[in-house]
């Protein structure tokens, strides 16, 4: 595939939402792309493919990881040959200045963990060392398993920090530190690539991100596990309830009888009212209210 064909496939991939189409396009790219550092930079195919690394479909995520790994190896071998002089440099390629920051249009792969130092990114943005350290920590967390440009990751990190700073009335206080610590820990979770992806692809704006609760930021798998555990605990608690009070204070909405047994439980936070579970002793109708 030439650059034009790859860009066309990348464009289609960006617009795809169903797994069947995504898999088809990924396989086309896997079979047709003969990776070189120049081609990957020009087409940004690495960035496009890597967005599906955390896809919930294991077939998609597995294929993406395989493609990224193979392309990285080919590019690394290409660099090694150039360094040893066993390959002739591309006449169209420009000299690389190692002291130059990574270009925002660059889509090459990164080997090993990324952080501002390894990416050549300056995070000394403010006179306050705590704010600079916060930006650096956010950058390192956002860069996990990502191939986005350093400048883009820095911009998102800076925006998140700035939103927290503004929310605390432009003050570096304990609330500021605790919030940044919580956000960084959630972003650093390797099982939560979707959160990093949504921030770096602007699906979540920093202004909205800082309002999210830890539960909202948690990986989908953990959310489902928490919900499952909550339901099981509620079921067990209900099953363990042996004694029910019988009263005539409640009226069954089904048969209108007033002989109703009930018990109460705390199913929400401690400051919320108890939930009352009722059973009609006449027809067996059940209901609850808070």
C-alpha atoms as a PDB file:
ATOM      1  CA  UNK A   1       0.000   0.000   0.000  1.00  0.00           C
ATOM      2  CA  UNK A   2       1.222   3.494  -0.807  1.00  0.00           C
ATOM      3  CA  UNK A   3       0.775   6.510   1.481  1.00  0.00           C
ATOM      4  CA  UNK A   4      -2.447   7.598  -0.234  1.00  0.00           C
ATOM      5  CA  UNK A   5      -4.057   4.179   0.207  1.00  0.00           C
ATOM      6  CA  UNK A   6      -2.964   4.003   3.833  1.00  0.00           C
ATOM      7  CA  UNK A   7      -4.407   7.459   4.576  1.00  0.00           C
ATOM      8  CA  UNK A   8      -7.682   6.392   2.994  1.00  0.00           C
ATOM      9  CA  UNK A   9      -7.816   3.276   5.177  1.00  0.00           C
ATOM     10  CA  UNK A  10      -6.915   5.343   8.256  1.00  0.00           C
ATOM     11  CA  UNK A  11      -9.745   7.774   7.465  1.00  0.00           C
ATOM     12  CA  UNK A  12     -12.211   4.892   7.219  1.00  0.00           C
ATOM     13  CA  UNK A  13     -10.867   3.385  10.435  1.00  0.00           C
ATOM     14  CA  UNK A  14     -11.384   6.655  12.334  1.00  0.00           C
ATOM     15  CA  UNK A  15     -15.043   6.681  11.257  1.00  0.00           C
ATOM     16  CA  UNK A  16     -15.734   3.012  12.035  1.00  0.00           C
ATOM     17  CA  UNK A  17     -17.750   1.996  15.066  1.00  0.00           C
ATOM     18  CA  UNK A  18     -18.601  -1.694  14.596  1.00  0.00           C
ATOM     19  CA  UNK A  19     -16.029  -4.382  15.388  1.00  0.00           C
ATOM     20  CA  UNK A  20     -16.446  -6.234  12.075  1.00  0.00           C
ATOM     21  CA  UNK A  21     -15.460  -3.173  10.015  1.00  0.00           C
ATOM     22  CA  UNK A  22     -12.641  -2.260  12.415  1.00  0.00           C
ATOM     23  CA  UNK A  23     -11.194  -5.786  12.187  1.00  0.00           C
ATOM     24  CA  UNK A  24     -11.447  -5.762   8.399  1.00  0.00           C
ATOM     25  CA  UNK A  25      -9.591  -2.438   8.093  1.00  0.00           C
ATOM     26  CA  UNK A  26      -6.969  -3.463  10.656  1.00  0.00           C
ATOM     27  CA  UNK A  27      -6.261  -6.662   8.725  1.00  0.00           C
ATOM     28  CA  UNK A  28      -5.957  -4.675   5.490  1.00  0.00           C
ATOM     29  CA  UNK A  29      -3.393  -2.390   7.136  1.00  0.00           C
ATOM     30  CA  UNK A  30      -1.619  -5.325   8.766  1.00  0.00           C
ATOM     31  CA  UNK A  31      -1.217  -7.086   5.411  1.00  0.00           C
ATOM     32  CA  UNK A  32      -0.589  -4.019   3.249  1.00  0.00           C
ATOM     33  CA  UNK A  33       1.642  -1.668   5.246  1.00  0.00           C
ATOM     34  CA  UNK A  34       5.392  -2.098   4.788  1.00  0.00           C
ATOM     35  CA  UNK A  35       6.458   0.151   7.667  1.00  0.00           C
ATOM     36  CA  UNK A  36       9.272   2.648   7.520  1.00  0.00           C
ATOM     37  CA  UNK A  37       9.780   5.519   9.922  1.00  0.00           C
ATOM     38  CA  UNK A  38       9.072   7.998   7.132  1.00  0.00           C
ATOM     39  CA  UNK A  39       5.849   6.246   6.068  1.00  0.00           C
ATOM     40  CA  UNK A  40       4.541   6.024   9.634  1.00  0.00           C
ATOM     41  CA  UNK A  41       5.185   9.708  10.211  1.00  0.00           C
ATOM     42  CA  UNK A  42       3.584  10.720   6.941  1.00  0.00           C
ATOM     43  CA  UNK A  43       0.400   8.647   7.278  1.00  0.00           C
ATOM     44  CA  UNK A  44      -0.012   8.665  11.095  1.00  0.00           C
ATOM     45  CA  UNK A  45      -1.201   5.081  10.749  1.00  0.00           C
ATOM     46  CA  UNK A  46       0.506   4.109  14.019  1.00  0.00           C
ATOM     47  CA  UNK A  47      -1.504   6.655  15.997  1.00  0.00           C
ATOM     48  CA  UNK A  48      -4.761   5.634  14.284  1.00  0.00           C
ATOM     49  CA  UNK A  49      -4.229   1.926  14.955  1.00  0.00           C
ATOM     50  CA  UNK A  50      -3.038   2.417  18.530  1.00  0.00           C
ATOM     51  CA  UNK A  51      -6.347   4.072  19.481  1.00  0.00           C
ATOM     52  CA  UNK A  52      -7.931   0.612  19.352  1.00  0.00           C
ATOM     53  CA  UNK A  53      -5.365  -0.935  21.706  1.00  0.00           C
ATOM     54  CA  UNK A  54      -7.823  -0.804  24.607  1.00  0.00           C
ATOM     55  CA  UNK A  55     -10.831  -1.974  22.590  1.00  0.00           C
ATOM     56  CA  UNK A  56     -13.235  -4.175  24.561  1.00  0.00           C
ATOM     57  CA  UNK A  57     -13.147  -6.776  21.769  1.00  0.00           C
ATOM     58  CA  UNK A  58     -10.134  -9.018  22.567  1.00  0.00           C
ATOM     59  CA  UNK A  59      -9.707  -9.888  18.879  1.00  0.00           C
ATOM     60  CA  UNK A  60      -9.303  -6.203  18.014  1.00  0.00           C
ATOM     61  CA  UNK A  61      -6.965  -5.347  20.894  1.00  0.00           C
ATOM     62  CA  UNK A  62      -4.831  -8.453  20.292  1.00  0.00           C
ATOM     63  CA  UNK A  63      -4.402  -7.634  16.592  1.00  0.00           C
ATOM     64  CA  UNK A  64      -3.514  -4.015  17.375  1.00  0.00           C
ATOM     65  CA  UNK A  65      -0.844  -5.036  19.893  1.00  0.00           C
ATOM     66  CA  UNK A  66       0.628  -7.464  17.359  1.00  0.00           C
ATOM     67  CA  UNK A  67       0.708  -4.795  14.632  1.00  0.00           C
ATOM     68  CA  UNK A  68       2.292  -2.180  16.907  1.00  0.00           C
ATOM     69  CA  UNK A  69       4.905  -4.665  18.115  1.00  0.00           C
ATOM     70  CA  UNK A  70       5.844  -5.767  14.584  1.00  0.00           C
ATOM     71  CA  UNK A  71       5.989  -2.234  13.198  1.00  0.00           C
ATOM     72  CA  UNK A  72       8.088  -1.058  16.135  1.00  0.00           C
ATOM     73  CA  UNK A  73      10.594  -3.851  15.528  1.00  0.00           C
ATOM     74  CA  UNK A  74      10.864  -3.029  11.823  1.00  0.00           C
ATOM     75  CA  UNK A  75      11.406   0.683  12.501  1.00  0.00           C
ATOM     76  CA  UNK A  76      13.953  -0.075  15.225  1.00  0.00           C
ATOM     77  CA  UNK A  77      15.868  -2.359  12.852  1.00  0.00           C
ATOM     78  CA  UNK A  78      15.784   0.387  10.234  1.00  0.00           C
ATOM     79  CA  UNK A  79      17.300   2.847  12.705  1.00  0.00           C
ATOM     80  CA  UNK A  80      19.954   0.350  13.754  1.00  0.00           C
ATOM     81  CA  UNK A  81      21.018  -0.217  10.136  1.00  0.00           C
ATOM     82  CA  UNK A  82      21.282   3.515   9.540  1.00  0.00           C
ATOM     83  CA  UNK A  83      23.461   3.963  12.618  1.00  0.00           C
ATOM     84  CA  UNK A  84      25.824   1.173  11.545  1.00  0.00           C
ATOM     85  CA  UNK A  85      25.962   2.529   7.998  1.00  0.00           C
ATOM     86  CA  UNK A  86      24.684  -0.678   6.413  1.00  0.00           C
ATOM     87  CA  UNK A  87      21.794   1.138   4.812  1.00  0.00           C
ATOM     88  CA  UNK A  88      21.801   4.221   2.620  1.00  0.00           C
ATOM     89  CA  UNK A  89      19.856   7.103   4.149  1.00  0.00           C
ATOM     90  CA  UNK A  90      16.714   8.137   2.304  1.00  0.00           C
ATOM     91  CA  UNK A  91      17.543  11.114   0.106  1.00  0.00           C
ATOM     92  CA  UNK A  92      14.322  12.828   1.121  1.00  0.00           C
ATOM     93  CA  UNK A  93      14.872  12.402   4.847  1.00  0.00           C
ATOM     94  CA  UNK A  94      16.016  15.371   6.898  1.00  0.00           C
ATOM     95  CA  UNK A  95      18.721  15.295   9.593  1.00  0.00           C
ATOM     96  CA  UNK A  96      17.338  14.663  13.047  1.00  0.00           C
ATOM     97  CA  UNK A  97      18.336  17.043  15.819  1.00  0.00           C
ATOM     98  CA  UNK A  98      18.287  15.081  19.060  1.00  0.00           C
ATOM     99  CA  UNK A  99      17.861  18.271  21.036  1.00  0.00           C
ATOM    100  CA  UNK A 100      14.693  19.218  19.153  1.00  0.00           C
ATOM    101  CA  UNK A 101      11.356  18.517  20.798  1.00  0.00           C
ATOM    102  CA  UNK A 102       9.182  15.893  19.197  1.00  0.00           C
ATOM    103  CA  UNK A 103       7.151  17.425  16.368  1.00  0.00           C
ATOM    104  CA  UNK A 104       3.389  17.571  16.818  1.00  0.00           C
ATOM    105  CA  UNK A 105       2.995  15.826  13.452  1.00  0.00           C
ATOM    106  CA  UNK A 106       5.324  12.968  14.379  1.00  0.00           C
ATOM    107  CA  UNK A 107       3.695   9.563  14.856  1.00  0.00           C
ATOM    108  CA  UNK A 108       6.680   7.308  15.478  1.00  0.00           C
ATOM    109  CA  UNK A 109       6.625   4.589  18.100  1.00  0.00           C
ATOM    110  CA  UNK A 110       8.161   4.922  21.538  1.00  0.00           C
ATOM    111  CA  UNK A 111       9.952   2.040  23.182  1.00  0.00           C
ATOM    112  CA  UNK A 112       9.844   1.777  26.955  1.00  0.00           C
ATOM    113  CA  UNK A 113       8.009   3.978  29.469  1.00  0.00           C
ATOM    114  CA  UNK A 114       7.560   7.597  28.449  1.00  0.00           C
ATOM    115  CA  UNK A 115       7.958  10.684  30.600  1.00  0.00           C
ATOM    116  CA  UNK A 116       8.792  14.347  29.936  1.00  0.00           C
ATOM    117  CA  UNK A 117      12.533  13.705  30.258  1.00  0.00           C
ATOM    118  CA  UNK A 118      12.669  10.805  27.783  1.00  0.00           C
ATOM    119  CA  UNK A 119      10.424  12.721  25.371  1.00  0.00           C
ATOM    120  CA  UNK A 120      12.470  15.904  25.635  1.00  0.00           C
ATOM    121  CA  UNK A 121       9.490  17.861  26.934  1.00  0.00           C
ATOM    122  CA  UNK A 122       9.916  20.847  29.250  1.00  0.00           C
ATOM    123  CA  UNK A 123       7.300  20.886  32.028  1.00  0.00           C
ATOM    124  CA  UNK A 124       8.710  23.914  33.831  1.00  0.00           C
ATOM    125  CA  UNK A 125       5.730  26.079  32.966  1.00  0.00           C
ATOM    126  CA  UNK A 126       5.232  27.994  36.205  1.00  0.00           C
ATOM    127  CA  UNK A 127       7.210  29.577  39.021  1.00  0.00           C
ATOM    128  CA  UNK A 128       5.564  27.095  41.399  1.00  0.00           C
ATOM    129  CA  UNK A 129       7.426  23.757  41.640  1.00  0.00           C
ATOM    130  CA  UNK A 130       4.310  21.877  42.825  1.00  0.00           C
ATOM    131  CA  UNK A 131       2.354  22.891  39.738  1.00  0.00           C
ATOM    132  CA  UNK A 132       5.231  21.872  37.470  1.00  0.00           C
ATOM    133  CA  UNK A 133       5.519  18.508  39.243  1.00  0.00           C
ATOM    134  CA  UNK A 134       1.765  17.977  38.806  1.00  0.00           C
ATOM    135  CA  UNK A 135       1.987  18.610  35.058  1.00  0.00           C
ATOM    136  CA  UNK A 136       4.929  16.196  34.831  1.00  0.00           C
ATOM    137  CA  UNK A 137       3.049  13.466  36.756  1.00  0.00           C
ATOM    138  CA  UNK A 138      -0.023  13.872  34.560  1.00  0.00           C
ATOM    139  CA  UNK A 139       2.153  13.707  31.429  1.00  0.00           C
ATOM    140  CA  UNK A 140       3.784  10.450  32.538  1.00  0.00           C
ATOM    141  CA  UNK A 141       0.386   8.920  33.353  1.00  0.00           C
ATOM    142  CA  UNK A 142      -1.242   9.999  30.078  1.00  0.00           C
ATOM    143  CA  UNK A 143       1.715   8.763  28.002  1.00  0.00           C
ATOM    144  CA  UNK A 144       1.369   5.135  29.135  1.00  0.00           C
ATOM    145  CA  UNK A 145       1.099   2.913  26.025  1.00  0.00           C
ATOM    146  CA  UNK A 146       0.454   5.961  23.838  1.00  0.00           C
ATOM    147  CA  UNK A 147       2.148   7.192  20.661  1.00  0.00           C
ATOM    148  CA  UNK A 148       0.695  10.705  20.669  1.00  0.00           C
ATOM    149  CA  UNK A 149       3.121  13.579  20.194  1.00  0.00           C
ATOM    150  CA  UNK A 150       4.788  15.000  23.279  1.00  0.00           C
ATOM    151  CA  UNK A 151       3.351  18.435  22.658  1.00  0.00           C
ATOM    152  CA  UNK A 152      -0.199  17.068  22.546  1.00  0.00           C
ATOM    153  CA  UNK A 153       0.199  15.099  25.784  1.00  0.00           C
ATOM    154  CA  UNK A 154       1.743  18.172  27.425  1.00  0.00           C
ATOM    155  CA  UNK A 155      -1.160  20.358  26.298  1.00  0.00           C
ATOM    156  CA  UNK A 156      -3.739  17.990  27.809  1.00  0.00           C
ATOM    157  CA  UNK A 157      -1.709  17.635  31.025  1.00  0.00           C
ATOM    158  CA  UNK A 158      -1.378  21.403  31.321  1.00  0.00           C
ATOM    159  CA  UNK A 159      -5.115  21.911  30.758  1.00  0.00           C
ATOM    160  CA  UNK A 160      -6.053  19.361  33.448  1.00  0.00           C
ATOM    161  CA  UNK A 161      -3.700  20.931  35.986  1.00  0.00           C
ATOM    162  CA  UNK A 162      -4.910  24.415  35.132  1.00  0.00           C
ATOM    163  CA  UNK A 163      -8.571  23.427  35.554  1.00  0.00           C
ATOM    164  CA  UNK A 164      -7.839  22.036  39.032  1.00  0.00           C
ATOM    165  CA  UNK A 165      -5.825  25.136  39.899  1.00  0.00           C
ATOM    166  CA  UNK A 166      -8.711  27.416  38.836  1.00  0.00           C
ATOM    167  CA  UNK A 167     -11.235  25.273  40.720  1.00  0.00           C
ATOM    168  CA  UNK A 168      -9.245  25.875  43.906  1.00  0.00           C
ATOM    169  CA  UNK A 169      -9.373  29.645  43.408  1.00  0.00           C
ATOM    170  CA  UNK A 170      -5.877  29.724  41.895  1.00  0.00           C
ATOM    171  CA  UNK A 171      -4.331  28.222  45.003  1.00  0.00           C
ATOM    172  CA  UNK A 172      -2.005  25.274  45.590  1.00  0.00           C
ATOM    173  CA  UNK A 173      -3.622  23.825  48.711  1.00  0.00           C
ATOM    174  CA  UNK A 174      -4.386  20.392  50.141  1.00  0.00           C
ATOM    175  CA  UNK A 175      -7.505  20.040  47.985  1.00  0.00           C
ATOM    176  CA  UNK A 176      -5.424  20.806  44.899  1.00  0.00           C
ATOM    177  CA  UNK A 177      -2.828  18.177  45.843  1.00  0.00           C
ATOM    178  CA  UNK A 178      -5.417  15.519  46.718  1.00  0.00           C
ATOM    179  CA  UNK A 179      -7.367  16.031  43.500  1.00  0.00           C
ATOM    180  CA  UNK A 180      -4.255  15.880  41.312  1.00  0.00           C
ATOM    181  CA  UNK A 181      -3.117  12.764  43.164  1.00  0.00           C
ATOM    182  CA  UNK A 182      -6.487  11.062  42.532  1.00  0.00           C
ATOM    183  CA  UNK A 183      -6.556  12.005  38.845  1.00  0.00           C
ATOM    184  CA  UNK A 184      -2.970  10.872  38.298  1.00  0.00           C
ATOM    185  CA  UNK A 185      -3.538   7.505  40.015  1.00  0.00           C
ATOM    186  CA  UNK A 186      -6.596   6.784  37.860  1.00  0.00           C
ATOM    187  CA  UNK A 187      -4.789   7.753  34.662  1.00  0.00           C
ATOM    188  CA  UNK A 188      -1.774   5.657  35.646  1.00  0.00           C
ATOM    189  CA  UNK A 189      -3.892   2.492  35.882  1.00  0.00           C
ATOM    190  CA  UNK A 190      -2.683   0.273  33.015  1.00  0.00           C
ATOM    191  CA  UNK A 191      -6.059  -1.451  32.993  1.00  0.00           C
ATOM    192  CA  UNK A 192      -7.737   1.842  32.131  1.00  0.00           C
ATOM    193  CA  UNK A 193      -6.470   2.766  28.628  1.00  0.00           C
ATOM    194  CA  UNK A 194      -9.935   3.991  27.674  1.00  0.00           C
ATOM    195  CA  UNK A 195      -9.731   6.905  30.136  1.00  0.00           C
ATOM    196  CA  UNK A 196      -6.396   8.049  28.691  1.00  0.00           C
ATOM    197  CA  UNK A 197      -7.704   7.639  25.160  1.00  0.00           C
ATOM    198  CA  UNK A 198     -10.864   9.661  25.797  1.00  0.00           C
ATOM    199  CA  UNK A 199      -8.829  12.533  27.201  1.00  0.00           C
ATOM    200  CA  UNK A 200      -6.209  12.515  24.442  1.00  0.00           C
ATOM    201  CA  UNK A 201      -8.841  12.287  21.702  1.00  0.00           C
ATOM    202  CA  UNK A 202     -10.884  15.103  23.276  1.00  0.00           C
ATOM    203  CA  UNK A 203     -13.883  12.864  24.007  1.00  0.00           C
ATOM    204  CA  UNK A 204     -13.561  14.126  27.585  1.00  0.00           C
ATOM    205  CA  UNK A 205     -12.632  17.753  28.068  1.00  0.00           C
ATOM    206  CA  UNK A 206     -10.298  18.562  31.003  1.00  0.00           C
ATOM    207  CA  UNK A 207     -12.980  20.847  32.477  1.00  0.00           C
ATOM    208  CA  UNK A 208     -15.356  17.859  32.669  1.00  0.00           C
ATOM    209  CA  UNK A 209     -12.680  15.352  33.649  1.00  0.00           C
ATOM    210  CA  UNK A 210     -11.879  17.146  36.927  1.00  0.00           C
ATOM    211  CA  UNK A 211     -15.553  16.819  37.961  1.00  0.00           C
ATOM    212  CA  UNK A 212     -15.581  13.031  37.530  1.00  0.00           C
ATOM    213  CA  UNK A 213     -15.727  10.802  40.597  1.00  0.00           C
ATOM    214  CA  UNK A 214     -13.283   7.905  41.122  1.00  0.00           C
ATOM    215  CA  UNK A 215     -16.123   5.504  40.218  1.00  0.00           C
ATOM    216  CA  UNK A 216     -16.748   7.358  36.953  1.00  0.00           C
ATOM    217  CA  UNK A 217     -13.037   7.195  36.108  1.00  0.00           C
ATOM    218  CA  UNK A 218     -12.694   3.507  36.977  1.00  0.00           C
ATOM    219  CA  UNK A 219     -12.179   0.909  34.211  1.00  0.00           C
ATOM    220  CA  UNK A 220     -15.381  -0.617  32.845  1.00  0.00           C
ATOM    221  CA  UNK A 221     -14.372  -4.054  34.114  1.00  0.00           C
ATOM    222  CA  UNK A 222     -14.030  -2.685  37.662  1.00  0.00           C
ATOM    223  CA  UNK A 223     -17.366  -0.834  37.440  1.00  0.00           C
ATOM    224  CA  UNK A 224     -19.108  -4.071  36.471  1.00  0.00           C
ATOM    225  CA  UNK A 225     -17.374  -5.964  39.272  1.00  0.00           C
ATOM    226  CA  UNK A 226     -18.396  -3.334  41.855  1.00  0.00           C
ATOM    227  CA  UNK A 227     -21.988  -3.403  40.637  1.00  0.00           C
ATOM    228  CA  UNK A 228     -22.042  -7.204  40.744  1.00  0.00           C
ATOM    229  CA  UNK A 229     -20.621  -7.204  44.276  1.00  0.00           C
ATOM    230  CA  UNK A 230     -23.147  -4.591  45.416  1.00  0.00           C
ATOM    231  CA  UNK A 231     -26.060  -6.640  44.084  1.00  0.00           C
ATOM    232  CA  UNK A 232     -24.714  -9.817  45.676  1.00  0.00           C
ATOM    233  CA  UNK A 233     -24.263  -8.103  49.054  1.00  0.00           C
ATOM    234  CA  UNK A 234     -27.789  -6.721  48.853  1.00  0.00           C
ATOM    235  CA  UNK A 235     -29.153 -10.160  47.998  1.00  0.00           C
ATOM    236  CA  UNK A 236     -27.224 -11.792  50.851  1.00  0.00           C
ATOM    237  CA  UNK A 237     -28.372  -9.137  53.285  1.00  0.00           C
ATOM    238  CA  UNK A 238     -31.993  -9.585  52.256  1.00  0.00           C
ATOM    239  CA  UNK A 239     -31.697 -13.350  52.532  1.00  0.00           C
ATOM    240  CA  UNK A 240     -30.231 -13.065  56.018  1.00  0.00           C
ATOM    241  CA  UNK A 241     -33.228 -11.073  57.229  1.00  0.00           C
ATOM    242  CA  UNK A 242     -35.392 -13.505  59.148  1.00  0.00           C
ATOM    243  CA  UNK A 243     -37.579 -11.309  61.298  1.00  0.00           C
ATOM    244  CA  UNK A 244     -40.115  -9.087  59.597  1.00  0.00           C
ATOM    245  CA  UNK A 245     -42.472  -6.773  61.406  1.00  0.00           C
ATOM    246  CA  UNK A 246     -46.139  -6.944  60.408  1.00  0.00           C
ATOM    247  CA  UNK A 247     -48.150  -3.730  60.351  1.00  0.00           C
ATOM    248  CA  UNK A 248     -51.376  -2.263  59.050  1.00  0.00           C
ATOM    249  CA  UNK A 249     -49.724   1.093  58.292  1.00  0.00           C
ATOM    250  CA  UNK A 250     -49.075   0.104  54.661  1.00  0.00           C
ATOM    251  CA  UNK A 251     -51.647  -0.746  51.993  1.00  0.00           C
ATOM    252  CA  UNK A 252     -50.874  -3.245  49.245  1.00  0.00           C
ATOM    253  CA  UNK A 253     -51.208  -1.537  45.870  1.00  0.00           C
ATOM    254  CA  UNK A 254     -52.318  -4.808  44.283  1.00  0.00           C
ATOM    255  CA  UNK A 255     -55.000  -6.303  46.545  1.00  0.00           C
ATOM    256  CA  UNK A 256     -55.536  -3.302  48.879  1.00  0.00           C
ATOM    257  CA  UNK A 257     -55.075  -5.415  52.035  1.00  0.00           C
ATOM    258  CA  UNK A 258     -53.334  -3.821  55.003  1.00  0.00           C
ATOM    259  CA  UNK A 259     -51.615  -6.862  56.512  1.00  0.00           C
ATOM    260  CA  UNK A 260     -48.071  -6.106  55.377  1.00  0.00           C
ATOM    261  CA  UNK A 261     -44.720  -7.349  56.691  1.00  0.00           C
ATOM    262  CA  UNK A 262     -41.649  -5.151  56.283  1.00  0.00           C
ATOM    263  CA  UNK A 263     -38.006  -4.640  57.163  1.00  0.00           C
ATOM    264  CA  UNK A 264     -35.572  -1.770  56.623  1.00  0.00           C
ATOM    265  CA  UNK A 265     -31.998  -1.670  55.299  1.00  0.00           C
ATOM    266  CA  UNK A 266     -29.336   0.911  54.537  1.00  0.00           C
ATOM    267  CA  UNK A 267     -28.770   0.381  50.796  1.00  0.00           C
ATOM    268  CA  UNK A 268     -27.165   3.731  50.019  1.00  0.00           C
ATOM    269  CA  UNK A 269     -24.746   6.069  51.793  1.00  0.00           C
ATOM    270  CA  UNK A 270     -25.031   6.531  55.544  1.00  0.00           C
ATOM    271  CA  UNK A 271     -26.543   9.990  55.275  1.00  0.00           C
ATOM    272  CA  UNK A 272     -29.404   8.713  53.062  1.00  0.00           C
ATOM    273  CA  UNK A 273     -32.715   7.395  54.533  1.00  0.00           C
ATOM    274  CA  UNK A 274     -33.243   3.663  55.042  1.00  0.00           C
ATOM    275  CA  UNK A 275     -34.963   1.635  52.335  1.00  0.00           C
ATOM    276  CA  UNK A 276     -38.165  -0.124  53.440  1.00  0.00           C
ATOM    277  CA  UNK A 277     -38.923  -3.522  51.856  1.00  0.00           C
ATOM    278  CA  UNK A 278     -42.615  -4.564  52.064  1.00  0.00           C
ATOM    279  CA  UNK A 279     -44.429  -7.859  51.413  1.00  0.00           C
ATOM    280  CA  UNK A 280     -48.206  -8.226  51.358  1.00  0.00           C
ATOM    281  CA  UNK A 281     -49.141 -11.171  53.582  1.00  0.00           C
ATOM    282  CA  UNK A 282     -52.340 -11.673  51.577  1.00  0.00           C
ATOM    283  CA  UNK A 283     -51.167 -11.816  47.936  1.00  0.00           C
ATOM    284  CA  UNK A 284     -47.360 -11.848  48.223  1.00  0.00           C
ATOM    285  CA  UNK A 285     -46.918  -8.554  46.336  1.00  0.00           C
ATOM    286  CA  UNK A 286     -43.558  -6.914  47.070  1.00  0.00           C
ATOM    287  CA  UNK A 287     -42.431  -3.300  46.861  1.00  0.00           C
ATOM    288  CA  UNK A 288     -39.916  -0.935  48.397  1.00  0.00           C
ATOM    289  CA  UNK A 289     -39.547   2.766  49.121  1.00  0.00           C
ATOM    290  CA  UNK A 290     -37.120   5.159  50.794  1.00  0.00           C
END
